[in-house]
Amino acid sequence: MLKRILHIDKQLFFEVNDCMKNDTFDMLMPMFRDKEFWIPLYILIIILIIRRYKLKALYVIGFAVLTILLADQISAHIIKPLVARPRPCNDPIIGDLVNRLVDCGSGYSFVSSHATNHFALAVFFIRIFDRPSIRYYIVIPFLFWAGLISFAQVYVGVHYPLDVLMGGLLGALIGLGVSRLNTYTLCVRSGHRL
């Protein structure tokens, strides 16, 4: 069963990495996975947090930092060494067939830390900004953002689809957990009963 899943995963990888290859994606996808490209978005999010939470913004930003730390540590320092799956661009069997658009790196592939980190942040931000009147304006852009970065990981040749899928799921769970902790902490500090 696992062998079949991994075979399908490699086929899907080549559908994205090779069959979808085009000049526009070749230019955009490496940029989308670069954290510096997203600095304006991060600044905007911090401004929105300050506007919404005022004096409590520091707590919320602290929990956002905790979200990224947990996501990164769990994905990169616990799961990757345990699974030890080579990146597609480092795979001795298929590595020469991979369309490499960025440095491959020497790390492992499963799970994608980019996917874990960005889905963790996306779910965290969705939860802290969630209001019924603006729900769809929040959910869709944040999930699209995390999904785009995850897709870029496969397109540039450094991760398999299963790596980003499971990284996204792990990140969503971390984002959900930390957002609940954030809500609980804010309620306790405000003197509200839960």
N, C-alpha and C. Protein backbone atom coordinates (compact mmCIF):
# COMPACT_ATOMS: atom_id res chain seq x y z
N MET A 1 0.82 -1.20 0.00
CA MET A 1 0.00 0.00 0.00
C MET A 1 0.86 1.27 0.00
N LEU A 2 1.86 1.29 0.91
CA LEU A 2 2.75 2.45 0.98
C LEU A 2 3.52 2.63 -0.33
N LYS A 3 3.94 1.49 -0.91
CA LYS A 3 4.67 1.55 -2.18
C LYS A 3 3.82 2.19 -3.27
N ARG A 4 2.55 1.83 -3.29
CA ARG A 4 1.61 2.38 -4.29
C ARG A 4 1.42 3.89 -4.07
N ILE A 5 1.27 4.31 -2.82
CA ILE A 5 1.09 5.73 -2.50
C ILE A 5 2.32 6.52 -2.94
N LEU A 6 3.50 6.00 -2.65
CA LEU A 6 4.73 6.69 -3.02
C LEU A 6 4.90 6.75 -4.54
N HIS A 7 4.45 5.72 -5.25
CA HIS A 7 4.51 5.72 -6.71
C HIS A 7 3.59 6.81 -7.27
N ILE A 8 2.38 6.89 -6.76
CA ILE A 8 1.44 7.93 -7.19
C ILE A 8 2.00 9.31 -6.87
N ASP A 9 2.62 9.42 -5.69
CA ASP A 9 3.21 10.69 -5.27
C ASP A 9 4.28 11.15 -6.27
N LYS A 10 5.12 10.23 -6.73
CA LYS A 10 6.16 10.58 -7.71
C LYS A 10 5.53 10.97 -9.05
N GLN A 11 4.47 10.26 -9.44
CA GLN A 11 3.79 10.62 -10.69
C GLN A 11 3.20 12.03 -10.61
N LEU A 12 2.56 12.33 -9.50
CA LEU A 12 2.00 13.67 -9.31
C LEU A 12 3.09 14.72 -9.28
N PHE A 13 4.22 14.38 -8.67
CA PHE A 13 5.35 15.31 -8.64
C PHE A 13 5.75 15.71 -10.06
N PHE A 14 5.89 14.72 -10.95
CA PHE A 14 6.30 15.03 -12.32
C PHE A 14 5.20 15.75 -13.11
N GLU A 15 3.93 15.52 -12.75
CA GLU A 15 2.85 16.29 -13.38
C GLU A 15 3.03 17.78 -13.10
N VAL A 16 3.42 18.10 -11.87
CA VAL A 16 3.60 19.51 -11.49
C VAL A 16 4.95 20.03 -11.95
N ASN A 17 6.02 19.30 -11.63
CA ASN A 17 7.38 19.77 -11.87
C ASN A 17 7.77 19.80 -13.34
N ASP A 18 7.24 18.88 -14.13
CA ASP A 18 7.64 18.79 -15.53
C ASP A 18 6.50 19.20 -16.49
N CYS A 19 5.35 18.58 -16.33
CA CYS A 19 4.26 18.82 -17.29
C CYS A 19 3.68 20.24 -17.21
N MET A 20 3.74 20.86 -16.04
CA MET A 20 3.20 22.21 -15.88
C MET A 20 4.25 23.28 -16.15
N LYS A 21 5.44 22.87 -16.52
CA LYS A 21 6.56 23.80 -16.72
C LYS A 21 6.22 24.85 -17.77
N ASN A 22 6.46 26.12 -17.39
CA ASN A 22 6.30 27.23 -18.33
C ASN A 22 7.13 28.40 -17.83
N ASP A 23 7.40 29.36 -18.70
CA ASP A 23 8.28 30.49 -18.35
C ASP A 23 7.73 31.34 -17.22
N THR A 24 6.42 31.54 -17.18
CA THR A 24 5.82 32.37 -16.14
C THR A 24 6.01 31.72 -14.77
N PHE A 25 5.67 30.43 -14.66
CA PHE A 25 5.85 29.72 -13.39
C PHE A 25 7.33 29.63 -13.02
N ASP A 26 8.18 29.43 -14.01
CA ASP A 26 9.63 29.37 -13.74
C ASP A 26 10.13 30.65 -13.09
N MET A 27 9.51 31.77 -13.43
CA MET A 27 9.90 33.05 -12.84
C MET A 27 9.24 33.25 -11.47
N LEU A 28 7.93 32.94 -11.37
CA LEU A 28 7.17 33.25 -10.16
C LEU A 28 7.36 32.28 -9.00
N MET A 29 7.41 31.00 -9.27
CA MET A 29 7.41 30.01 -8.18
C MET A 29 8.63 30.13 -7.26
N PRO A 30 9.84 30.35 -7.78
CA PRO A 30 10.95 30.56 -6.84
C PRO A 30 10.75 31.79 -5.95
N MET A 31 10.10 32.83 -6.49
CA MET A 31 9.84 34.03 -5.68
C MET A 31 8.80 33.74 -4.61
N PHE A 32 7.76 32.98 -4.94
CA PHE A 32 6.68 32.71 -4.00
C PHE A 32 7.16 31.92 -2.78
N ARG A 33 8.21 31.13 -2.94
CA ARG A 33 8.69 30.35 -1.80
C ARG A 33 9.76 31.09 -1.00
N ASP A 34 10.11 32.30 -1.42
CA ASP A 34 11.12 33.11 -0.74
C ASP A 34 10.43 33.98 0.32
N LYS A 35 10.82 33.81 1.60
CA LYS A 35 10.15 34.56 2.67
C LYS A 35 10.29 36.06 2.53
N GLU A 36 11.36 36.53 1.93
CA GLU A 36 11.55 37.98 1.77
C GLU A 36 10.50 38.58 0.81
N PHE A 37 10.02 37.80 -0.12
CA PHE A 37 8.99 38.24 -1.05
C PHE A 37 7.71 38.63 -0.31
N TRP A 38 7.46 37.96 0.82
CA TRP A 38 6.21 38.15 1.55
C TRP A 38 6.32 39.18 2.67
N ILE A 39 7.45 39.86 2.82
CA ILE A 39 7.62 40.85 3.90
C ILE A 39 6.49 41.90 3.91
N PRO A 40 6.09 42.47 2.76
CA PRO A 40 4.98 43.43 2.81
C PRO A 40 3.69 42.83 3.41
N LEU A 41 3.42 41.57 3.09
CA LEU A 41 2.24 40.91 3.67
C LEU A 41 2.38 40.78 5.18
N TYR A 42 3.56 40.37 5.65
CA TYR A 42 3.79 40.22 7.09
C TYR A 42 3.61 41.56 7.80
N ILE A 43 4.09 42.63 7.20
CA ILE A 43 3.94 43.96 7.80
C ILE A 43 2.46 44.33 7.87
N LEU A 44 1.72 44.07 6.79
CA LEU A 44 0.29 44.35 6.78
C LEU A 44 -0.44 43.56 7.88
N ILE A 45 -0.09 42.30 8.05
CA ILE A 45 -0.72 41.47 9.07
C ILE A 45 -0.43 42.03 10.47
N ILE A 46 0.80 42.44 10.71
CA ILE A 46 1.15 43.03 12.02
C ILE A 46 0.33 44.30 12.26
N ILE A 47 0.18 45.12 11.24
CA ILE A 47 -0.63 46.34 11.37
C ILE A 47 -2.08 45.98 11.70
N LEU A 48 -2.62 44.98 11.02
CA LEU A 48 -4.00 44.56 11.28
C LEU A 48 -4.16 43.99 12.69
N ILE A 49 -3.16 43.26 13.16
CA ILE A 49 -3.20 42.72 14.53
C ILE A 49 -3.20 43.87 15.53
N ILE A 50 -2.35 44.85 15.31
CA ILE A 50 -2.29 46.01 16.22
C ILE A 50 -3.62 46.76 16.21
N ARG A 51 -4.20 46.95 15.04
CA ARG A 51 -5.49 47.66 14.95
C ARG A 51 -6.61 46.89 15.64
N ARG A 52 -6.59 45.58 15.50
CA ARG A 52 -7.69 44.77 16.08
C ARG A 52 -7.51 44.56 17.57
N TYR A 53 -6.28 44.29 18.02
CA TYR A 53 -6.05 43.88 19.40
C TYR A 53 -5.46 44.97 20.29
N LYS A 54 -5.06 46.07 19.73
CA LYS A 54 -4.51 47.23 20.45
C LYS A 54 -3.44 46.81 21.46
N LEU A 55 -3.69 46.97 22.76
CA LEU A 55 -2.67 46.66 23.77
C LEU A 55 -2.37 45.16 23.87
N LYS A 56 -3.31 44.34 23.45
CA LYS A 56 -3.10 42.89 23.50
C LYS A 56 -2.36 42.37 22.26
N ALA A 57 -2.04 43.25 21.34
CA ALA A 57 -1.38 42.85 20.09
C ALA A 57 -0.07 42.13 20.34
N LEU A 58 0.66 42.55 21.36
CA LEU A 58 1.94 41.91 21.65
C LEU A 58 1.76 40.44 21.99
N TYR A 59 0.69 40.12 22.72
CA TYR A 59 0.40 38.71 23.02
C TYR A 59 0.10 37.94 21.75
N VAL A 60 -0.74 38.51 20.90
CA VAL A 60 -1.13 37.84 19.67
C VAL A 60 0.09 37.63 18.77
N ILE A 61 0.93 38.64 18.65
CA ILE A 61 2.15 38.51 17.83
C ILE A 61 3.07 37.45 18.45
N GLY A 62 3.14 37.42 19.77
CA GLY A 62 3.94 36.39 20.45
C GLY A 62 3.44 34.99 20.14
N PHE A 63 2.11 34.82 20.10
CA PHE A 63 1.54 33.52 19.76
C PHE A 63 1.76 33.18 18.28
N ALA A 64 1.78 34.18 17.42
CA ALA A 64 2.11 33.94 16.00
C ALA A 64 3.54 33.43 15.89
N VAL A 65 4.44 34.04 16.65
CA VAL A 65 5.84 33.59 16.67
C VAL A 65 5.92 32.16 17.22
N LEU A 66 5.16 31.87 18.29
CA LEU A 66 5.13 30.51 18.84
C LEU A 66 4.63 29.52 17.79
N THR A 67 3.63 29.93 17.02
CA THR A 67 3.09 29.07 15.96
C THR A 67 4.17 28.67 14.97
N ILE A 68 4.93 29.65 14.51
CA ILE A 68 5.96 29.37 13.51
C ILE A 68 7.10 28.55 14.12
N LEU A 69 7.45 28.84 15.37
CA LEU A 69 8.52 28.07 16.03
C LEU A 69 8.12 26.61 16.19
N LEU A 70 6.92 26.37 16.66
CA LEU A 70 6.45 24.98 16.82
C LEU A 70 6.39 24.26 15.48
N ALA A 71 5.81 24.92 14.49
CA ALA A 71 5.68 24.30 13.17
C ALA A 71 7.04 23.95 12.60
N ASP A 72 7.97 24.87 12.68
CA ASP A 72 9.29 24.65 12.11
C ASP A 72 10.06 23.57 12.87
N GLN A 73 10.02 23.63 14.18
CA GLN A 73 10.77 22.65 14.98
C GLN A 73 10.21 21.24 14.80
N ILE A 74 8.88 21.12 14.83
CA ILE A 74 8.28 19.79 14.68
C ILE A 74 8.55 19.22 13.30
N SER A 75 8.40 20.04 12.25
CA SER A 75 8.59 19.53 10.89
C SER A 75 10.06 19.27 10.59
N ALA A 76 10.92 20.23 10.89
CA ALA A 76 12.33 20.13 10.46
C ALA A 76 13.19 19.30 11.40
N HIS A 77 12.90 19.32 12.68
CA HIS A 77 13.82 18.68 13.63
C HIS A 77 13.28 17.40 14.27
N ILE A 78 12.01 17.10 14.05
CA ILE A 78 11.47 15.85 14.58
C ILE A 78 11.06 14.91 13.44
N ILE A 79 10.13 15.38 12.58
CA ILE A 79 9.57 14.49 11.55
C ILE A 79 10.57 14.19 10.44
N LYS A 80 11.23 15.22 9.90
CA LYS A 80 12.16 14.98 8.78
C LYS A 80 13.26 13.98 9.13
N PRO A 81 13.95 14.10 10.27
CA PRO A 81 14.98 13.11 10.58
C PRO A 81 14.41 11.71 10.83
N LEU A 82 13.18 11.63 11.37
CA LEU A 82 12.57 10.32 11.60
C LEU A 82 12.23 9.61 10.30
N VAL A 83 11.65 10.34 9.34
CA VAL A 83 11.23 9.74 8.08
C VAL A 83 12.41 9.61 7.11
N ALA A 84 13.26 10.63 7.07
CA ALA A 84 14.49 10.63 6.25
C ALA A 84 14.23 10.34 4.77
N ARG A 85 13.21 10.94 4.24
CA ARG A 85 12.90 10.79 2.81
C ARG A 85 13.72 11.81 2.02
N PRO A 86 14.49 11.36 1.02
CA PRO A 86 15.27 12.32 0.23
C PRO A 86 14.37 13.24 -0.58
N ARG A 87 14.84 14.46 -0.80
CA ARG A 87 14.12 15.39 -1.66
C ARG A 87 14.13 14.83 -3.09
N PRO A 88 13.12 15.16 -3.90
CA PRO A 88 13.12 14.66 -5.28
C PRO A 88 14.40 15.04 -6.03
N CYS A 89 14.88 16.26 -5.79
CA CYS A 89 16.08 16.72 -6.49
C CYS A 89 17.35 16.02 -5.99
N ASN A 90 17.27 15.34 -4.86
CA ASN A 90 18.41 14.57 -4.34
C ASN A 90 18.22 13.07 -4.47
N ASP A 91 17.08 12.65 -4.98
CA ASP A 91 16.78 11.23 -5.10
C ASP A 91 17.71 10.61 -6.13
N PRO A 92 18.46 9.55 -5.77
CA PRO A 92 19.41 8.96 -6.71
C PRO A 92 18.76 8.37 -7.97
N ILE A 93 17.49 8.03 -7.90
CA ILE A 93 16.82 7.41 -9.04
C ILE A 93 16.24 8.46 -9.98
N ILE A 94 15.59 9.48 -9.44
CA ILE A 94 14.90 10.44 -10.31
C ILE A 94 15.55 11.84 -10.31
N GLY A 95 16.55 12.05 -9.48
CA GLY A 95 17.15 13.37 -9.32
C GLY A 95 17.56 14.05 -10.61
N ASP A 96 18.08 13.31 -11.56
CA ASP A 96 18.52 13.91 -12.82
C ASP A 96 17.36 14.33 -13.73
N LEU A 97 16.17 13.84 -13.44
CA LEU A 97 14.99 14.17 -14.24
C LEU A 97 14.22 15.38 -13.71
N VAL A 98 14.62 15.84 -12.53
CA VAL A 98 13.89 16.92 -11.86
C VAL A 98 14.24 18.27 -12.45
N ASN A 99 13.23 19.08 -12.69
CA ASN A 99 13.40 20.45 -13.14
C ASN A 99 13.74 21.29 -11.89
N ARG A 100 15.03 21.55 -11.67
CA ARG A 100 15.47 22.27 -10.47
C ARG A 100 15.52 23.76 -10.74
N LEU A 101 14.76 24.51 -9.95
CA LEU A 101 14.74 25.96 -10.12
C LEU A 101 15.38 26.70 -8.95
N VAL A 102 15.67 25.98 -7.88
CA VAL A 102 16.33 26.56 -6.71
C VAL A 102 17.36 25.56 -6.21
N ASP A 103 18.19 26.01 -5.29
CA ASP A 103 19.15 25.10 -4.67
C ASP A 103 18.39 23.99 -3.96
N CYS A 104 18.81 22.78 -4.17
CA CYS A 104 18.09 21.63 -3.62
C CYS A 104 18.24 21.51 -2.11
N GLY A 105 19.37 21.88 -1.59
CA GLY A 105 19.60 21.71 -0.15
C GLY A 105 19.92 20.26 0.16
N SER A 106 20.40 20.05 1.36
CA SER A 106 20.81 18.70 1.74
C SER A 106 19.83 18.06 2.70
N GLY A 107 18.79 18.79 3.08
CA GLY A 107 17.83 18.27 4.04
C GLY A 107 16.90 17.24 3.44
N TYR A 108 16.02 16.74 4.31
CA TYR A 108 15.05 15.75 3.89
C TYR A 108 13.78 16.40 3.37
N SER A 109 12.91 15.57 2.81
CA SER A 109 11.74 16.06 2.10
C SER A 109 10.45 16.02 2.92
N PHE A 110 10.22 14.98 3.67
CA PHE A 110 8.94 14.77 4.36
C PHE A 110 9.04 15.14 5.82
N VAL A 111 8.26 16.08 6.24
CA VAL A 111 7.23 16.90 5.63
C VAL A 111 7.85 18.23 5.20
N SER A 112 7.16 18.93 4.33
CA SER A 112 7.65 20.23 3.89
C SER A 112 7.50 21.24 5.02
N SER A 113 8.61 21.82 5.44
CA SER A 113 8.56 22.85 6.49
C SER A 113 7.89 24.11 5.98
N HIS A 114 8.08 24.45 4.70
CA HIS A 114 7.40 25.61 4.13
C HIS A 114 5.88 25.44 4.25
N ALA A 115 5.38 24.26 3.86
CA ALA A 115 3.95 24.01 3.94
C ALA A 115 3.47 24.01 5.39
N THR A 116 4.22 23.36 6.26
CA THR A 116 3.84 23.31 7.68
C THR A 116 3.78 24.71 8.27
N ASN A 117 4.83 25.49 8.06
CA ASN A 117 4.91 26.83 8.63
C ASN A 117 3.80 27.74 8.11
N HIS A 118 3.57 27.72 6.80
CA HIS A 118 2.61 28.65 6.22
C HIS A 118 1.16 28.25 6.48
N PHE A 119 0.87 26.97 6.51
CA PHE A 119 -0.49 26.57 6.89
C PHE A 119 -0.74 26.80 8.37
N ALA A 120 0.29 26.63 9.20
CA ALA A 120 0.14 26.94 10.62
C ALA A 120 -0.20 28.41 10.80
N LEU A 121 0.55 29.28 10.14
CA LEU A 121 0.27 30.72 10.23
C LEU A 121 -1.08 31.07 9.62
N ALA A 122 -1.40 30.47 8.49
CA ALA A 122 -2.68 30.77 7.83
C ALA A 122 -3.85 30.44 8.74
N VAL A 123 -3.84 29.26 9.34
CA VAL A 123 -4.94 28.87 10.23
C VAL A 123 -4.94 29.74 11.48
N PHE A 124 -3.79 30.04 12.03
CA PHE A 124 -3.70 30.94 13.18
C PHE A 124 -4.32 32.30 12.84
N PHE A 125 -3.93 32.88 11.71
CA PHE A 125 -4.46 34.19 11.32
C PHE A 125 -5.96 34.13 11.02
N ILE A 126 -6.41 33.07 10.38
CA ILE A 126 -7.84 32.91 10.12
C ILE A 126 -8.61 32.95 11.44
N ARG A 127 -8.10 32.23 12.42
CA ARG A 127 -8.80 32.16 13.71
C ARG A 127 -8.77 33.49 14.47
N ILE A 128 -7.67 34.21 14.41
CA ILE A 128 -7.62 35.45 15.20
C ILE A 128 -8.35 36.61 14.53
N PHE A 129 -8.54 36.53 13.21
CA PHE A 129 -9.26 37.59 12.51
C PHE A 129 -10.71 37.21 12.20
N ASP A 130 -11.10 36.00 12.56
CA ASP A 130 -12.41 35.48 12.16
C ASP A 130 -13.56 36.27 12.78
N ARG A 131 -14.44 36.73 11.90
CA ARG A 131 -15.73 37.34 12.25
C ARG A 131 -16.70 36.93 11.17
N PRO A 132 -17.92 36.58 11.52
CA PRO A 132 -18.87 36.11 10.49
C PRO A 132 -19.01 37.05 9.29
N SER A 133 -18.96 38.34 9.52
CA SER A 133 -19.18 39.28 8.41
C SER A 133 -18.04 39.31 7.39
N ILE A 134 -16.85 38.89 7.79
CA ILE A 134 -15.71 38.93 6.87
C ILE A 134 -15.04 37.57 6.68
N ARG A 135 -15.68 36.51 7.14
CA ARG A 135 -15.08 35.18 7.15
C ARG A 135 -14.47 34.78 5.80
N TYR A 136 -15.22 34.92 4.72
CA TYR A 136 -14.72 34.48 3.41
C TYR A 136 -13.60 35.37 2.88
N TYR A 137 -13.58 36.61 3.32
CA TYR A 137 -12.51 37.52 2.91
C TYR A 137 -11.20 37.19 3.64
N ILE A 138 -11.30 36.43 4.70
CA ILE A 138 -10.13 36.04 5.48
C ILE A 138 -9.67 34.63 5.10
N VAL A 139 -10.60 33.69 5.10
CA VAL A 139 -10.27 32.28 4.91
C VAL A 139 -9.64 32.02 3.54
N ILE A 140 -10.30 32.47 2.49
CA ILE A 140 -9.83 32.15 1.13
C ILE A 140 -8.44 32.72 0.85
N PRO A 141 -8.18 34.01 1.14
CA PRO A 141 -6.83 34.53 0.85
C PRO A 141 -5.71 33.84 1.65
N PHE A 142 -5.96 33.56 2.94
CA PHE A 142 -4.91 32.92 3.73
C PHE A 142 -4.65 31.48 3.27
N LEU A 143 -5.70 30.74 2.96
CA LEU A 143 -5.49 29.37 2.48
C LEU A 143 -4.86 29.36 1.09
N PHE A 144 -5.25 30.31 0.25
CA PHE A 144 -4.65 30.43 -1.08
C PHE A 144 -3.15 30.73 -0.94
N TRP A 145 -2.79 31.65 -0.04
CA TRP A 145 -1.39 32.03 0.21
C TRP A 145 -0.58 30.81 0.62
N ALA A 146 -1.06 30.07 1.61
CA ALA A 146 -0.33 28.88 2.07
C ALA A 146 -0.28 27.81 0.98
N GLY A 147 -1.37 27.65 0.25
CA GLY A 147 -1.41 26.67 -0.84
C GLY A 147 -0.47 27.02 -1.97
N LEU A 148 -0.38 28.31 -2.30
CA LEU A 148 0.51 28.76 -3.37
C LEU A 148 1.97 28.48 -3.01
N ILE A 149 2.35 28.78 -1.78
CA ILE A 149 3.72 28.51 -1.34
C ILE A 149 3.99 27.01 -1.36
N SER A 150 3.02 26.21 -0.95
CA SER A 150 3.18 24.76 -0.95
C SER A 150 3.31 24.22 -2.38
N PHE A 151 2.47 24.70 -3.28
CA PHE A 151 2.55 24.30 -4.68
C PHE A 151 3.93 24.64 -5.25
N ALA A 152 4.44 25.82 -4.90
CA ALA A 152 5.75 26.25 -5.40
C ALA A 152 6.85 25.29 -4.97
N GLN A 153 6.71 24.68 -3.81
CA GLN A 153 7.71 23.72 -3.32
C GLN A 153 7.83 22.53 -4.26
N VAL A 154 6.69 22.09 -4.76
CA VAL A 154 6.68 20.95 -5.69
C VAL A 154 7.18 21.42 -7.05
N TYR A 155 6.69 22.54 -7.49
CA TYR A 155 7.03 23.04 -8.83
C TYR A 155 8.55 23.24 -8.99
N VAL A 156 9.21 23.79 -7.96
CA VAL A 156 10.65 24.06 -8.08
C VAL A 156 11.50 22.81 -7.86
N GLY A 157 10.88 21.69 -7.48
CA GLY A 157 11.59 20.42 -7.42
C GLY A 157 12.14 20.00 -6.08
N VAL A 158 11.74 20.66 -4.98
CA VAL A 158 12.34 20.32 -3.68
C VAL A 158 11.44 19.45 -2.80
N HIS A 159 10.15 19.28 -3.18
CA HIS A 159 9.23 18.46 -2.38
C HIS A 159 8.26 17.70 -3.27
N TYR A 160 7.82 16.56 -2.76
CA TYR A 160 6.76 15.79 -3.38
C TYR A 160 5.40 16.33 -2.93
N PRO A 161 4.33 16.08 -3.69
CA PRO A 161 3.00 16.53 -3.26
C PRO A 161 2.60 16.02 -1.87
N LEU A 162 2.94 14.78 -1.56
CA LEU A 162 2.60 14.23 -0.24
C LEU A 162 3.31 15.00 0.88
N ASP A 163 4.51 15.47 0.62
CA ASP A 163 5.25 16.27 1.61
C ASP A 163 4.50 17.54 1.97
N VAL A 164 3.98 18.22 0.95
CA VAL A 164 3.28 19.48 1.21
C VAL A 164 1.87 19.23 1.74
N LEU A 165 1.23 18.16 1.29
CA LEU A 165 -0.10 17.84 1.79
C LEU A 165 -0.05 17.53 3.29
N MET A 166 0.86 16.67 3.68
CA MET A 166 0.97 16.31 5.10
C MET A 166 1.54 17.46 5.92
N GLY A 167 2.44 18.25 5.33
CA GLY A 167 2.94 19.44 6.01
C GLY A 167 1.83 20.44 6.24
N GLY A 168 0.97 20.61 5.24
CA GLY A 168 -0.17 21.51 5.38
C GLY A 168 -1.13 21.06 6.47
N LEU A 169 -1.39 19.77 6.53
CA LEU A 169 -2.28 19.22 7.57
C LEU A 169 -1.66 19.41 8.95
N LEU A 170 -0.38 19.09 9.08
CA LEU A 170 0.31 19.29 10.35
C LEU A 170 0.27 20.76 10.76
N GLY A 171 0.57 21.64 9.82
CA GLY A 171 0.55 23.07 10.11
C GLY A 171 -0.82 23.56 10.52
N ALA A 172 -1.86 23.08 9.85
CA ALA A 172 -3.23 23.49 10.20
C ALA A 172 -3.55 23.09 11.63
N LEU A 173 -3.14 21.90 12.03
CA LEU A 173 -3.39 21.44 13.40
C LEU A 173 -2.61 22.30 14.41
N ILE A 174 -1.38 22.63 14.09
CA ILE A 174 -0.59 23.48 14.98
C ILE A 174 -1.21 24.87 15.07
N GLY A 175 -1.58 25.44 13.93
CA GLY A 175 -2.22 26.76 13.92
C GLY A 175 -3.51 26.78 14.73
N LEU A 176 -4.30 25.73 14.60
CA LEU A 176 -5.55 25.62 15.35
C LEU A 176 -5.26 25.55 16.85
N GLY A 177 -4.31 24.70 17.22
CA GLY A 177 -3.98 24.54 18.64
C GLY A 177 -3.45 25.82 19.27
N VAL A 178 -2.52 26.48 18.59
CA VAL A 178 -1.94 27.71 19.16
C VAL A 178 -2.97 28.84 19.17
N SER A 179 -3.85 28.89 18.18
CA SER A 179 -4.88 29.94 18.18
C SER A 179 -5.84 29.74 19.35
N ARG A 180 -6.13 28.50 19.68
CA ARG A 180 -6.98 28.24 20.85
C ARG A 180 -6.28 28.64 22.14
N LEU A 181 -5.01 28.35 22.22
CA LEU A 181 -4.23 28.77 23.38
C LEU A 181 -4.19 30.30 23.47
N ASN A 182 -4.05 30.96 22.34
CA ASN A 182 -4.06 32.42 22.28
C ASN A 182 -5.40 32.97 22.80
N THR A 183 -6.50 32.39 22.32
CA THR A 183 -7.83 32.84 22.74
C THR A 183 -8.01 32.63 24.24
N TYR A 184 -7.60 31.47 24.73
CA TYR A 184 -7.71 31.17 26.15
C TYR A 184 -6.91 32.17 26.98
N THR A 185 -5.68 32.45 26.56
CA THR A 185 -4.81 33.39 27.29
C THR A 185 -5.41 34.79 27.30
N LEU A 186 -5.93 35.24 26.15
CA LEU A 186 -6.55 36.57 26.10
C LEU A 186 -7.78 36.65 26.99
N CYS A 187 -8.57 35.57 27.03
CA CYS A 187 -9.76 35.55 27.88
C CYS A 187 -9.37 35.58 29.35
N VAL A 188 -8.40 34.81 29.74
CA VAL A 188 -7.95 34.77 31.13
C VAL A 188 -7.40 36.12 31.54
N ARG A 189 -6.59 36.74 30.66
CA ARG A 189 -6.02 38.06 31.00
C ARG A 189 -7.10 39.13 31.09
N SER A 190 -8.20 38.95 30.36
CA SER A 190 -9.28 39.93 30.39
C SER A 190 -10.25 39.67 31.54
N GLY A 191 -10.09 38.55 32.23
CA GLY A 191 -10.96 38.21 33.34
C GLY A 191 -12.27 37.55 32.91
N HIS A 192 -12.34 37.11 31.66
CA HIS A 192 -13.55 36.42 31.19
C HIS A 192 -13.50 34.97 31.58
N ARG A 193 -14.67 34.41 31.84
CA ARG A 193 -14.75 32.97 32.09
C ARG A 193 -14.97 32.26 30.76
N LEU A 194 -14.40 31.08 30.66
CA LEU A 194 -14.58 30.30 29.44
C LEU A 194 -15.68 29.27 29.62
